[in-house]
Amino acid sequence: MPLRSKVATPATKNDVKNISNKLDKISKSLVDNSTSLLHLTEEIKELRKSQQFLSEQYEDMKQMLHPKDEEVKVLQAENQYLKLHVCKLEAVTSQSHEEVNDLEQYGRRECLEFQGLAWNKNTDDLVLHASRMVGMDLKGEEISVSHRLSPASDKNPQSTIIARFCSRKNRDAVFSQRHRLRSHNKAHPKGRIFINESLTKINRRRFNLCLQFKKKKNIKFI
């Protein structure tokens, strides 16, 4: 059976017009896209310029900060050295304070402090009286010097007396017998007398802390 050849249908005016309109739209779209691409290209160029400017600024700042970094490192090293030096000085100062405190305490080795003694008598006589109360019959020449640590007054008539003994032996004997005052203190609760070590301010503070700890922990002896 023979094939039939297709015969092209001639284009009408409307077909030509439609094709022409489509071509116009495509051409306009290409123009618009080309304009947009040009704008994008310009924006990219501007962004590249900004990026280049920022990069140069960063490099300049980096060059400017480099010496500062070195200065900071030097200052940090000096600060560390000064800290170590201060720590050493504090250790030396603390050691010096301890040595001074030990020397001061050593200077008090012949001294005792008496509390609760009347104020209307010579302090040497009062110290001898307290010594006799604990069984030590000392003579006046066996007391090197004595005085009150604070002035006696109506508000403080029994201020503490510090006494330096001529003999360390007599001083230790009086101190070791201070427990004999217990009977007197029980009989005279308003006129109690105490004999204590003569301590430096630092050692007195430490001793008071020990007493507080003893009381808190209910320890009988320290």
N, C-alpha and C. Protein backbone atom coordinates (compact mmCIF):
# COMPACT_ATOMS: atom_id res chain seq x y z
N MET A 1 0.85 -1.18 0.00
CA MET A 1 0.00 0.00 0.00
C MET A 1 0.89 1.22 0.00
N PRO A 2 0.75 2.09 -0.94
CA PRO A 2 1.65 3.24 -1.08
C PRO A 2 1.46 4.23 0.06
N LEU A 3 2.65 4.87 0.55
CA LEU A 3 2.60 5.88 1.63
C LEU A 3 2.11 7.19 1.07
N ARG A 4 1.36 7.84 1.97
CA ARG A 4 0.89 9.15 1.59
C ARG A 4 1.83 10.22 2.12
N SER A 5 2.28 11.11 1.27
CA SER A 5 3.17 12.20 1.72
C SER A 5 2.36 13.28 2.40
N LYS A 6 2.95 13.85 3.54
CA LYS A 6 2.25 14.89 4.27
C LYS A 6 2.44 16.21 3.55
N VAL A 7 1.44 16.89 3.42
CA VAL A 7 1.47 18.19 2.76
C VAL A 7 1.45 19.26 3.83
N ALA A 8 2.49 20.17 3.86
CA ALA A 8 2.57 21.23 4.87
C ALA A 8 1.40 22.18 4.72
N THR A 9 0.84 22.51 5.90
CA THR A 9 -0.27 23.47 5.89
C THR A 9 0.27 24.86 5.89
N PRO A 10 -0.08 25.69 5.06
CA PRO A 10 0.46 27.04 5.01
C PRO A 10 0.10 27.81 6.28
N ALA A 11 1.14 28.64 6.83
CA ALA A 11 0.93 29.43 8.06
C ALA A 11 0.01 30.57 7.78
N THR A 12 -0.85 30.80 8.73
CA THR A 12 -1.79 31.90 8.62
C THR A 12 -1.17 33.15 9.19
N LYS A 13 -1.82 34.27 9.03
CA LYS A 13 -1.33 35.53 9.58
C LYS A 13 -1.30 35.50 11.10
N ASN A 14 -2.26 34.84 11.68
CA ASN A 14 -2.31 34.74 13.15
C ASN A 14 -1.12 33.96 13.68
N ASP A 15 -0.78 32.87 12.95
CA ASP A 15 0.37 32.07 13.38
C ASP A 15 1.63 32.90 13.34
N VAL A 16 1.80 33.64 12.30
CA VAL A 16 2.99 34.48 12.17
C VAL A 16 3.02 35.54 13.26
N LYS A 17 1.86 36.08 13.57
CA LYS A 17 1.77 37.12 14.62
C LYS A 17 2.11 36.55 15.98
N ASN A 18 1.62 35.36 16.27
CA ASN A 18 1.90 34.72 17.57
C ASN A 18 3.38 34.42 17.72
N ILE A 19 3.96 33.90 16.63
CA ILE A 19 5.40 33.59 16.67
C ILE A 19 6.20 34.86 16.87
N SER A 20 5.78 35.92 16.21
CA SER A 20 6.48 37.20 16.35
C SER A 20 6.39 37.72 17.78
N ASN A 21 5.22 37.59 18.39
CA ASN A 21 5.03 38.03 19.78
C ASN A 21 5.92 37.23 20.74
N LYS A 22 5.97 35.92 20.51
CA LYS A 22 6.80 35.07 21.36
C LYS A 22 8.28 35.44 21.24
N LEU A 23 8.69 35.72 19.99
CA LEU A 23 10.08 36.11 19.78
C LEU A 23 10.40 37.44 20.47
N ASP A 24 9.41 38.35 20.44
CA ASP A 24 9.59 39.65 21.12
C ASP A 24 9.76 39.45 22.64
N LYS A 25 8.93 38.56 23.19
CA LYS A 25 9.02 38.30 24.64
C LYS A 25 10.36 37.68 25.00
N ILE A 26 10.79 36.72 24.16
CA ILE A 26 12.08 36.08 24.43
C ILE A 26 13.21 37.09 24.35
N SER A 27 13.12 37.94 23.33
CA SER A 27 14.16 38.97 23.17
C SER A 27 14.18 39.93 24.36
N LYS A 28 13.01 40.33 24.79
CA LYS A 28 12.93 41.24 25.96
C LYS A 28 13.47 40.57 27.22
N SER A 29 13.12 39.26 27.39
CA SER A 29 13.61 38.53 28.56
C SER A 29 15.13 38.43 28.55
N LEU A 30 15.68 38.20 27.34
CA LEU A 30 17.13 38.13 27.24
C LEU A 30 17.78 39.46 27.57
N VAL A 31 17.15 40.54 27.14
CA VAL A 31 17.67 41.87 27.45
C VAL A 31 17.64 42.12 28.96
N ASP A 32 16.50 41.76 29.59
CA ASP A 32 16.36 41.95 31.05
C ASP A 32 17.41 41.13 31.80
N ASN A 33 17.56 39.88 31.36
CA ASN A 33 18.55 39.02 32.03
C ASN A 33 19.96 39.57 31.85
N SER A 34 20.21 40.09 30.67
CA SER A 34 21.54 40.65 30.42
C SER A 34 21.78 41.85 31.31
N THR A 35 20.75 42.69 31.50
CA THR A 35 20.88 43.86 32.40
C THR A 35 21.13 43.41 33.83
N SER A 36 20.40 42.38 34.27
CA SER A 36 20.58 41.86 35.63
C SER A 36 21.98 41.32 35.82
N LEU A 37 22.48 40.62 34.78
CA LEU A 37 23.83 40.08 34.87
C LEU A 37 24.87 41.19 34.96
N LEU A 38 24.63 42.26 34.23
CA LEU A 38 25.54 43.40 34.31
C LEU A 38 25.54 44.01 35.71
N HIS A 39 24.34 44.14 36.30
CA HIS A 39 24.23 44.67 37.67
C HIS A 39 24.94 43.75 38.67
N LEU A 40 24.73 42.44 38.51
CA LEU A 40 25.39 41.48 39.39
C LEU A 40 26.91 41.56 39.26
N THR A 41 27.35 41.70 38.03
CA THR A 41 28.79 41.80 37.79
C THR A 41 29.37 43.03 38.50
N GLU A 42 28.63 44.15 38.42
CA GLU A 42 29.09 45.36 39.09
C GLU A 42 29.11 45.18 40.61
N GLU A 43 28.06 44.53 41.12
CA GLU A 43 28.01 44.29 42.57
C GLU A 43 29.17 43.40 43.03
N ILE A 44 29.45 42.38 42.22
CA ILE A 44 30.56 41.48 42.54
C ILE A 44 31.88 42.23 42.56
N LYS A 45 32.04 43.14 41.58
CA LYS A 45 33.26 43.94 41.55
C LYS A 45 33.39 44.80 42.80
N GLU A 46 32.26 45.41 43.21
CA GLU A 46 32.27 46.24 44.41
C GLU A 46 32.59 45.41 45.67
N LEU A 47 32.01 44.20 45.70
CA LEU A 47 32.27 43.33 46.84
C LEU A 47 33.73 42.91 46.89
N ARG A 48 34.29 42.66 45.73
CA ARG A 48 35.71 42.30 45.67
C ARG A 48 36.59 43.45 46.14
N LYS A 49 36.20 44.68 45.75
CA LYS A 49 36.95 45.84 46.19
C LYS A 49 36.87 45.98 47.72
N SER A 50 35.67 45.78 48.28
CA SER A 50 35.49 45.86 49.73
C SER A 50 36.30 44.78 50.44
N GLN A 51 36.25 43.57 49.87
CA GLN A 51 37.01 42.46 50.46
C GLN A 51 38.50 42.76 50.44
N GLN A 52 38.98 43.32 49.34
CA GLN A 52 40.38 43.66 49.21
C GLN A 52 40.76 44.75 50.22
N PHE A 53 39.88 45.72 50.37
CA PHE A 53 40.12 46.81 51.32
C PHE A 53 40.18 46.27 52.75
N LEU A 54 39.23 45.40 53.10
CA LEU A 54 39.22 44.82 54.44
C LEU A 54 40.45 43.96 54.67
N SER A 55 40.84 43.22 53.66
CA SER A 55 42.03 42.38 53.78
C SER A 55 43.26 43.23 54.04
N GLU A 56 43.38 44.35 53.31
CA GLU A 56 44.51 45.25 53.51
C GLU A 56 44.47 45.88 54.90
N GLN A 57 43.26 46.26 55.33
CA GLN A 57 43.10 46.82 56.67
C GLN A 57 43.51 45.81 57.74
N TYR A 58 43.11 44.56 57.53
CA TYR A 58 43.45 43.50 58.49
C TYR A 58 44.96 43.33 58.58
N GLU A 59 45.62 43.32 57.41
CA GLU A 59 47.08 43.17 57.41
C GLU A 59 47.75 44.35 58.11
N ASP A 60 47.21 45.56 57.86
CA ASP A 60 47.77 46.75 58.53
C ASP A 60 47.60 46.64 60.05
N MET A 61 46.40 46.24 60.47
CA MET A 61 46.14 46.08 61.91
C MET A 61 47.04 45.00 62.50
N LYS A 62 47.22 43.94 61.74
CA LYS A 62 48.07 42.85 62.21
C LYS A 62 49.50 43.33 62.41
N GLN A 63 49.99 44.15 61.46
CA GLN A 63 51.33 44.69 61.59
C GLN A 63 51.43 45.66 62.77
N MET A 64 50.35 46.40 63.00
CA MET A 64 50.35 47.34 64.12
C MET A 64 50.29 46.62 65.46
N LEU A 65 49.54 45.51 65.52
CA LEU A 65 49.35 44.80 66.78
C LEU A 65 50.51 43.89 67.13
N HIS A 66 51.29 43.52 66.16
CA HIS A 66 52.40 42.60 66.42
C HIS A 66 53.36 43.14 67.49
N PRO A 67 53.79 44.41 67.39
CA PRO A 67 54.64 44.93 68.47
C PRO A 67 53.93 44.94 69.82
N LYS A 68 52.60 45.21 69.79
CA LYS A 68 51.84 45.21 71.04
C LYS A 68 51.82 43.82 71.66
N ASP A 69 51.69 42.81 70.82
CA ASP A 69 51.73 41.43 71.33
C ASP A 69 53.06 41.15 72.02
N GLU A 70 54.12 41.65 71.43
CA GLU A 70 55.44 41.45 72.04
C GLU A 70 55.53 42.17 73.38
N GLU A 71 54.97 43.40 73.41
CA GLU A 71 54.97 44.16 74.66
C GLU A 71 54.16 43.44 75.74
N VAL A 72 53.02 42.89 75.33
CA VAL A 72 52.18 42.16 76.28
C VAL A 72 52.93 40.95 76.85
N LYS A 73 53.64 40.24 75.97
CA LYS A 73 54.41 39.08 76.44
C LYS A 73 55.48 39.50 77.44
N VAL A 74 56.16 40.63 77.13
CA VAL A 74 57.19 41.13 78.05
C VAL A 74 56.58 41.51 79.39
N LEU A 75 55.44 42.21 79.33
CA LEU A 75 54.77 42.63 80.57
C LEU A 75 54.29 41.43 81.38
N GLN A 76 53.78 40.41 80.68
CA GLN A 76 53.34 39.19 81.38
C GLN A 76 54.52 38.52 82.08
N ALA A 77 55.66 38.48 81.41
CA ALA A 77 56.85 37.88 82.03
C ALA A 77 57.30 38.69 83.24
N GLU A 78 57.28 40.01 83.11
CA GLU A 78 57.66 40.87 84.24
C GLU A 78 56.69 40.71 85.40
N ASN A 79 55.40 40.61 85.07
CA ASN A 79 54.39 40.43 86.11
C ASN A 79 54.59 39.12 86.86
N GLN A 80 54.90 38.07 86.12
CA GLN A 80 55.15 36.77 86.75
C GLN A 80 56.36 36.84 87.66
N TYR A 81 57.39 37.52 87.20
CA TYR A 81 58.60 37.68 88.01
C TYR A 81 58.29 38.45 89.29
N LEU A 82 57.52 39.54 89.15
CA LEU A 82 57.18 40.35 90.32
C LEU A 82 56.32 39.57 91.31
N LYS A 83 55.42 38.73 90.79
CA LYS A 83 54.60 37.90 91.68
C LYS A 83 55.49 36.96 92.51
N LEU A 84 56.42 36.32 91.84
CA LEU A 84 57.33 35.41 92.54
C LEU A 84 58.17 36.18 93.56
N HIS A 85 58.62 37.38 93.18
CA HIS A 85 59.43 38.20 94.08
C HIS A 85 58.61 38.61 95.30
N VAL A 86 57.35 38.99 95.09
CA VAL A 86 56.47 39.37 96.20
C VAL A 86 56.25 38.18 97.14
N CYS A 87 56.03 37.00 96.56
CA CYS A 87 55.85 35.80 97.39
C CYS A 87 57.08 35.53 98.26
N LYS A 88 58.27 35.71 97.66
CA LYS A 88 59.50 35.51 98.43
C LYS A 88 59.61 36.54 99.54
N LEU A 89 59.29 37.79 99.22
CA LEU A 89 59.36 38.85 100.23
C LEU A 89 58.35 38.60 101.36
N GLU A 90 57.16 38.12 101.00
CA GLU A 90 56.15 37.81 102.03
C GLU A 90 56.64 36.69 102.94
N ALA A 91 57.29 35.69 102.33
CA ALA A 91 57.82 34.59 103.13
C ALA A 91 58.91 35.08 104.07
N VAL A 92 59.80 35.96 103.53
CA VAL A 92 60.87 36.51 104.37
C VAL A 92 60.29 37.37 105.48
N THR A 93 59.27 38.19 105.13
CA THR A 93 58.63 39.05 106.14
C THR A 93 57.96 38.23 107.22
N SER A 94 57.25 37.17 106.79
CA SER A 94 56.60 36.30 107.76
C SER A 94 57.62 35.65 108.69
N GLN A 95 58.74 35.19 108.10
CA GLN A 95 59.80 34.59 108.90
C GLN A 95 60.39 35.61 109.86
N SER A 96 60.57 36.85 109.39
CA SER A 96 61.11 37.91 110.25
C SER A 96 60.17 38.21 111.41
N HIS A 97 58.86 38.23 111.11
CA HIS A 97 57.88 38.46 112.18
C HIS A 97 57.95 37.35 113.24
N GLU A 98 58.10 36.12 112.75
CA GLU A 98 58.19 35.01 113.69
C GLU A 98 59.45 35.12 114.54
N GLU A 99 60.56 35.52 113.91
CA GLU A 99 61.81 35.66 114.66
C GLU A 99 61.70 36.78 115.69
N VAL A 100 61.08 37.90 115.30
CA VAL A 100 60.89 39.01 116.25
C VAL A 100 59.98 38.57 117.39
N ASN A 101 58.93 37.84 117.04
CA ASN A 101 58.02 37.35 118.07
C ASN A 101 58.73 36.40 119.04
N ASP A 102 59.57 35.53 118.49
CA ASP A 102 60.32 34.60 119.34
C ASP A 102 61.28 35.35 120.26
N LEU A 103 61.93 36.39 119.71
CA LEU A 103 62.85 37.17 120.54
C LEU A 103 62.10 37.91 121.65
N GLU A 104 60.94 38.46 121.29
CA GLU A 104 60.14 39.16 122.31
C GLU A 104 59.67 38.19 123.39
N GLN A 105 59.24 36.99 122.96
CA GLN A 105 58.80 36.01 123.94
C GLN A 105 59.97 35.56 124.81
N TYR A 106 61.14 35.43 124.19
CA TYR A 106 62.32 35.04 124.96
C TYR A 106 62.65 36.10 126.00
N GLY A 107 62.43 37.36 125.65
CA GLY A 107 62.68 38.44 126.60
C GLY A 107 61.72 38.44 127.77
N ARG A 108 60.63 37.70 127.67
CA ARG A 108 59.64 37.61 128.74
C ARG A 108 59.82 36.35 129.60
N ARG A 109 60.93 35.66 129.41
CA ARG A 109 61.09 34.36 130.06
C ARG A 109 61.14 34.46 131.58
N GLU A 110 61.51 35.64 132.13
CA GLU A 110 61.52 35.81 133.60
C GLU A 110 60.27 36.53 134.10
N CYS A 111 59.27 36.68 133.23
CA CYS A 111 58.09 37.48 133.60
C CYS A 111 56.86 36.61 133.84
N LEU A 112 56.00 37.12 134.72
CA LEU A 112 54.67 36.54 134.94
C LEU A 112 53.67 37.69 135.02
N GLU A 113 52.42 37.36 134.73
CA GLU A 113 51.36 38.36 134.83
C GLU A 113 50.38 37.94 135.92
N PHE A 114 50.00 38.93 136.75
CA PHE A 114 49.11 38.69 137.90
C PHE A 114 47.82 39.47 137.69
N GLN A 115 46.71 38.75 137.78
CA GLN A 115 45.40 39.37 137.64
C GLN A 115 44.61 39.26 138.93
N GLY A 116 43.84 40.31 139.22
CA GLY A 116 42.95 40.28 140.39
C GLY A 116 43.55 40.88 141.65
N LEU A 117 44.75 41.47 141.57
CA LEU A 117 45.37 42.05 142.75
C LEU A 117 44.89 43.49 142.93
N ALA A 118 44.72 43.91 144.22
CA ALA A 118 44.22 45.25 144.53
C ALA A 118 45.15 46.31 143.97
N TRP A 119 44.64 47.51 143.75
CA TRP A 119 45.43 48.54 143.08
C TRP A 119 45.97 49.60 144.04
N ASN A 120 45.60 49.51 145.30
CA ASN A 120 46.00 50.57 146.23
C ASN A 120 47.29 50.23 146.98
N LYS A 121 48.12 49.39 146.40
CA LYS A 121 49.40 49.03 147.04
C LYS A 121 50.51 49.04 146.00
N ASN A 122 51.76 49.01 146.47
CA ASN A 122 52.91 48.91 145.59
C ASN A 122 52.86 47.58 144.84
N THR A 123 53.12 47.63 143.53
CA THR A 123 52.98 46.41 142.72
C THR A 123 53.97 45.32 143.15
N ASP A 124 55.18 45.70 143.60
CA ASP A 124 56.13 44.69 144.07
C ASP A 124 55.56 43.96 145.28
N ASP A 125 54.95 44.72 146.19
CA ASP A 125 54.37 44.10 147.39
C ASP A 125 53.22 43.17 147.01
N LEU A 126 52.43 43.57 146.02
CA LEU A 126 51.32 42.73 145.60
C LEU A 126 51.81 41.42 144.97
N VAL A 127 52.89 41.50 144.19
CA VAL A 127 53.46 40.29 143.58
C VAL A 127 54.02 39.37 144.65
N LEU A 128 54.71 39.94 145.67
CA LEU A 128 55.25 39.13 146.77
C LEU A 128 54.11 38.48 147.55
N HIS A 129 53.00 39.23 147.75
CA HIS A 129 51.84 38.69 148.46
C HIS A 129 51.25 37.50 147.69
N ALA A 130 51.09 37.64 146.36
CA ALA A 130 50.55 36.54 145.55
C ALA A 130 51.50 35.35 145.57
N SER A 131 52.81 35.62 145.57
CA SER A 131 53.79 34.53 145.62
C SER A 131 53.69 33.76 146.93
N ARG A 132 53.46 34.49 148.03
CA ARG A 132 53.30 33.79 149.32
C ARG A 132 52.03 32.95 149.34
N MET A 133 51.01 33.41 148.62
CA MET A 133 49.76 32.65 148.57
C MET A 133 49.96 31.29 147.90
N VAL A 134 50.96 31.16 147.06
CA VAL A 134 51.22 29.87 146.41
C VAL A 134 52.40 29.15 147.06
N GLY A 135 52.83 29.65 148.26
CA GLY A 135 53.85 28.93 149.02
C GLY A 135 55.27 29.37 148.75
N MET A 136 55.48 30.51 148.08
CA MET A 136 56.82 31.00 147.79
C MET A 136 57.08 32.28 148.58
N ASP A 137 57.91 32.19 149.60
CA ASP A 137 58.20 33.35 150.45
C ASP A 137 59.43 34.08 149.88
N LEU A 138 59.16 34.96 148.93
CA LEU A 138 60.23 35.68 148.25
C LEU A 138 60.51 37.03 148.93
N LYS A 139 61.69 37.56 148.70
CA LYS A 139 62.08 38.86 149.23
C LYS A 139 61.92 39.91 148.13
N GLY A 140 61.87 41.17 148.55
CA GLY A 140 61.68 42.27 147.61
C GLY A 140 62.77 42.35 146.56
N GLU A 141 64.01 42.04 146.94
CA GLU A 141 65.11 42.14 145.98
C GLU A 141 65.05 41.04 144.92
N GLU A 142 64.14 40.08 145.10
CA GLU A 142 64.02 39.03 144.11
C GLU A 142 63.05 39.40 142.97
N ILE A 143 62.45 40.61 143.08
CA ILE A 143 61.61 41.16 142.00
C ILE A 143 62.42 42.24 141.31
N SER A 144 62.72 42.04 140.03
CA SER A 144 63.51 43.03 139.29
C SER A 144 62.69 44.29 139.05
N VAL A 145 61.50 44.15 138.52
CA VAL A 145 60.63 45.29 138.24
C VAL A 145 59.21 44.78 138.07
N SER A 146 58.25 45.64 138.40
CA SER A 146 56.84 45.29 138.19
C SER A 146 56.06 46.56 137.90
N HIS A 147 55.02 46.43 137.13
CA HIS A 147 54.14 47.57 136.84
C HIS A 147 52.84 47.05 136.26
N ARG A 148 51.86 47.93 136.22
CA ARG A 148 50.58 47.54 135.65
C ARG A 148 50.61 47.74 134.13
N LEU A 149 49.93 46.82 133.42
CA LEU A 149 49.89 46.93 131.96
C LEU A 149 48.99 48.06 131.50
N SER A 150 48.04 48.43 132.34
CA SER A 150 47.18 49.59 132.05
C SER A 150 46.90 50.29 133.37
N PRO A 151 46.71 51.61 133.34
CA PRO A 151 46.49 52.35 134.58
C PRO A 151 45.28 51.83 135.34
N ALA A 152 45.44 51.71 136.66
CA ALA A 152 44.32 51.31 137.50
C ALA A 152 43.33 52.46 137.62
N SER A 153 42.05 52.12 137.68
CA SER A 153 41.01 53.13 137.81
C SER A 153 39.84 52.53 138.55
N ASP A 154 38.83 53.36 138.82
CA ASP A 154 37.65 52.84 139.51
C ASP A 154 36.94 51.79 138.65
N LYS A 155 36.98 51.96 137.33
CA LYS A 155 36.35 50.98 136.44
C LYS A 155 37.21 49.74 136.27
N ASN A 156 38.52 49.90 136.46
CA ASN A 156 39.44 48.77 136.30
C ASN A 156 40.43 48.76 137.46
N PRO A 157 39.92 48.50 138.69
CA PRO A 157 40.79 48.58 139.88
C PRO A 157 41.80 47.44 139.98
N GLN A 158 41.60 46.38 139.22
CA GLN A 158 42.48 45.22 139.32
C GLN A 158 43.15 44.93 137.97
N SER A 159 43.69 45.98 137.37
CA SER A 159 44.35 45.79 136.09
C SER A 159 45.56 44.87 136.26
N THR A 160 45.91 44.20 135.17
CA THR A 160 46.97 43.19 135.21
C THR A 160 48.32 43.80 135.57
N ILE A 161 49.07 43.08 136.42
CA ILE A 161 50.43 43.48 136.80
C ILE A 161 51.40 42.51 136.13
N ILE A 162 52.43 43.06 135.48
CA ILE A 162 53.49 42.23 134.94
C ILE A 162 54.72 42.40 135.81
N ALA A 163 55.35 41.28 136.16
CA ALA A 163 56.52 41.32 137.05
C ALA A 163 57.66 40.52 136.44
N ARG A 164 58.86 41.09 136.52
CA ARG A 164 60.05 40.39 136.07
C ARG A 164 60.84 39.94 137.30
N PHE A 165 61.09 38.65 137.39
CA PHE A 165 61.84 38.09 138.52
C PHE A 165 63.34 38.13 138.21
N CYS A 166 64.12 38.28 139.24
CA CYS A 166 65.58 38.27 139.06
C CYS A 166 66.08 36.88 138.73
N SER A 167 65.33 35.88 139.19
CA SER A 167 65.75 34.50 138.98
C SER A 167 64.69 33.75 138.17
N ARG A 168 65.12 33.10 137.13
CA ARG A 168 64.19 32.26 136.34
C ARG A 168 63.68 31.13 137.20
N LYS A 169 64.50 30.65 138.11
CA LYS A 169 64.12 29.56 139.00
C LYS A 169 62.94 29.96 139.87
N ASN A 170 63.00 31.15 140.47
CA ASN A 170 61.89 31.62 141.32
C ASN A 170 60.63 31.86 140.48
N ARG A 171 60.84 32.40 139.30
CA ARG A 171 59.68 32.65 138.43
C ARG A 171 58.96 31.34 138.11
N ASP A 172 59.72 30.29 137.71
CA ASP A 172 59.12 29.01 137.37
C ASP A 172 58.47 28.36 138.59
N ALA A 173 59.08 28.55 139.77
CA ALA A 173 58.52 27.96 141.00
C ALA A 173 57.16 28.58 141.31
N VAL A 174 57.04 29.90 141.18
CA VAL A 174 55.76 30.58 141.43
C VAL A 174 54.72 30.11 140.43
N PHE A 175 55.11 30.03 139.17
CA PHE A 175 54.15 29.64 138.14
C PHE A 175 53.68 28.21 138.32
N SER A 176 54.58 27.32 138.71
CA SER A 176 54.23 25.90 138.87
C SER A 176 53.29 25.67 140.04
N GLN A 177 53.26 26.61 141.01
CA GLN A 177 52.41 26.44 142.19
C GLN A 177 51.12 27.26 142.11
N ARG A 178 50.79 27.80 140.94
CA ARG A 178 49.63 28.69 140.82
C ARG A 178 48.31 27.97 141.11
N HIS A 179 48.34 26.62 141.02
CA HIS A 179 47.12 25.87 141.29
C HIS A 179 46.65 26.04 142.73
N ARG A 180 47.54 26.49 143.61
CA ARG A 180 47.16 26.69 145.02
C ARG A 180 46.18 27.84 145.20
N LEU A 181 46.00 28.64 144.18
CA LEU A 181 45.06 29.76 144.26
C LEU A 181 43.61 29.30 144.11
N ARG A 182 43.40 28.04 143.75
CA ARG A 182 42.04 27.56 143.52
C ARG A 182 41.17 27.66 144.77
N SER A 183 41.73 27.27 145.91
CA SER A 183 40.95 27.33 147.14
C SER A 183 40.58 28.77 147.48
N HIS A 184 41.53 29.70 147.27
CA HIS A 184 41.23 31.11 147.51
C HIS A 184 40.16 31.61 146.56
N ASN A 185 40.25 31.23 145.29
CA ASN A 185 39.30 31.72 144.31
C ASN A 185 37.90 31.16 144.55
N LYS A 186 37.82 29.93 145.07
CA LYS A 186 36.51 29.37 145.40
C LYS A 186 35.89 30.09 146.59
N ALA A 187 36.74 30.44 147.54
CA ALA A 187 36.24 31.13 148.74
C ALA A 187 35.93 32.59 148.45
N HIS A 188 36.59 33.19 147.47
CA HIS A 188 36.39 34.61 147.15
C HIS A 188 36.11 34.74 145.64
N PRO A 189 34.90 34.37 145.19
CA PRO A 189 34.60 34.40 143.75
C PRO A 189 34.69 35.80 143.13
N LYS A 190 34.50 36.84 143.96
CA LYS A 190 34.58 38.20 143.43
C LYS A 190 36.00 38.77 143.51
N GLY A 191 36.88 38.05 144.15
CA GLY A 191 38.26 38.52 144.28
C GLY A 191 39.26 37.47 143.82
N ARG A 192 38.95 36.82 142.75
CA ARG A 192 39.81 35.75 142.27
C ARG A 192 41.14 36.31 141.75
N ILE A 193 42.20 35.53 141.95
CA ILE A 193 43.55 35.91 141.54
C ILE A 193 44.09 34.85 140.57
N PHE A 194 44.74 35.31 139.53
CA PHE A 194 45.29 34.41 138.53
C PHE A 194 46.74 34.78 138.24
N ILE A 195 47.55 33.75 137.99
CA ILE A 195 48.95 33.94 137.59
C ILE A 195 49.13 33.29 136.23
N ASN A 196 49.56 34.08 135.26
CA ASN A 196 49.65 33.59 133.88
C ASN A 196 51.03 33.85 133.28
N GLU A 197 51.30 33.10 132.23
CA GLU A 197 52.49 33.38 131.44
C GLU A 197 52.38 34.78 130.84
N SER A 198 53.52 35.43 130.68
CA SER A 198 53.54 36.72 129.98
C SER A 198 53.80 36.45 128.50
N LEU A 199 52.76 36.62 127.67
CA LEU A 199 52.83 36.28 126.26
C LEU A 199 52.84 37.53 125.38
N THR A 200 53.47 37.40 124.22
CA THR A 200 53.41 38.47 123.24
C THR A 200 51.99 38.55 122.67
N LYS A 201 51.71 39.61 121.94
CA LYS A 201 50.37 39.76 121.36
C LYS A 201 50.04 38.60 120.43
N ILE A 202 51.02 38.22 119.63
CA ILE A 202 50.79 37.11 118.69
C ILE A 202 50.53 35.81 119.43
N ASN A 203 51.36 35.51 120.41
CA ASN A 203 51.19 34.25 121.16
C ASN A 203 49.93 34.27 122.01
N ARG A 204 49.56 35.47 122.52
CA ARG A 204 48.33 35.56 123.30
C ARG A 204 47.12 35.27 122.42
N ARG A 205 47.17 35.80 121.19
CA ARG A 205 46.07 35.54 120.27
C ARG A 205 45.99 34.05 119.93
N ARG A 206 47.14 33.43 119.71
CA ARG A 206 47.16 32.00 119.42
C ARG A 206 46.64 31.19 120.61
N PHE A 207 47.04 31.61 121.80
CA PHE A 207 46.60 30.90 123.00
C PHE A 207 45.08 31.02 123.18
N ASN A 208 44.54 32.21 122.90
CA ASN A 208 43.08 32.39 123.01
C ASN A 208 42.35 31.52 121.99
N LEU A 209 42.91 31.37 120.80
CA LEU A 209 42.30 30.48 119.81
C LEU A 209 42.32 29.04 120.28
N CYS A 210 43.40 28.66 120.94
CA CYS A 210 43.48 27.30 121.51
C CYS A 210 42.43 27.10 122.59
N LEU A 211 42.22 28.12 123.42
CA LEU A 211 41.21 28.02 124.47
C LEU A 211 39.81 27.90 123.87
N GLN A 212 39.55 28.66 122.80
CA GLN A 212 38.26 28.55 122.14
C GLN A 212 38.05 27.16 121.56
N PHE A 213 39.10 26.64 120.93
CA PHE A 213 39.01 25.28 120.38
C PHE A 213 38.79 24.26 121.49
N LYS A 214 39.48 24.44 122.61
CA LYS A 214 39.34 23.53 123.76
C LYS A 214 37.91 23.53 124.27
N LYS A 215 37.34 24.74 124.35
CA LYS A 215 35.97 24.86 124.85
C LYS A 215 34.97 24.27 123.85
N LYS A 216 35.20 24.52 122.56
CA LYS A 216 34.29 24.03 121.53
C LYS A 216 34.29 22.52 121.46
N LYS A 217 35.47 21.91 121.57
CA LYS A 217 35.61 20.45 121.46
C LYS A 217 35.53 19.74 122.81
N ASN A 218 35.29 20.54 123.86
CA ASN A 218 35.16 19.98 125.21
C ASN A 218 36.39 19.16 125.60
N ILE A 219 37.56 19.77 125.35
CA ILE A 219 38.83 19.14 125.70
C ILE A 219 39.21 19.58 127.10
N LYS A 220 39.66 18.65 127.93
CA LYS A 220 39.94 18.98 129.33
C LYS A 220 41.22 19.75 129.47
N PHE A 221 42.28 19.31 128.80
CA PHE A 221 43.58 19.96 128.92
C PHE A 221 44.14 20.29 127.54
N ILE A 222 44.95 21.35 127.48
CA ILE A 222 45.66 21.66 126.24
C ILE A 222 47.15 21.86 126.56
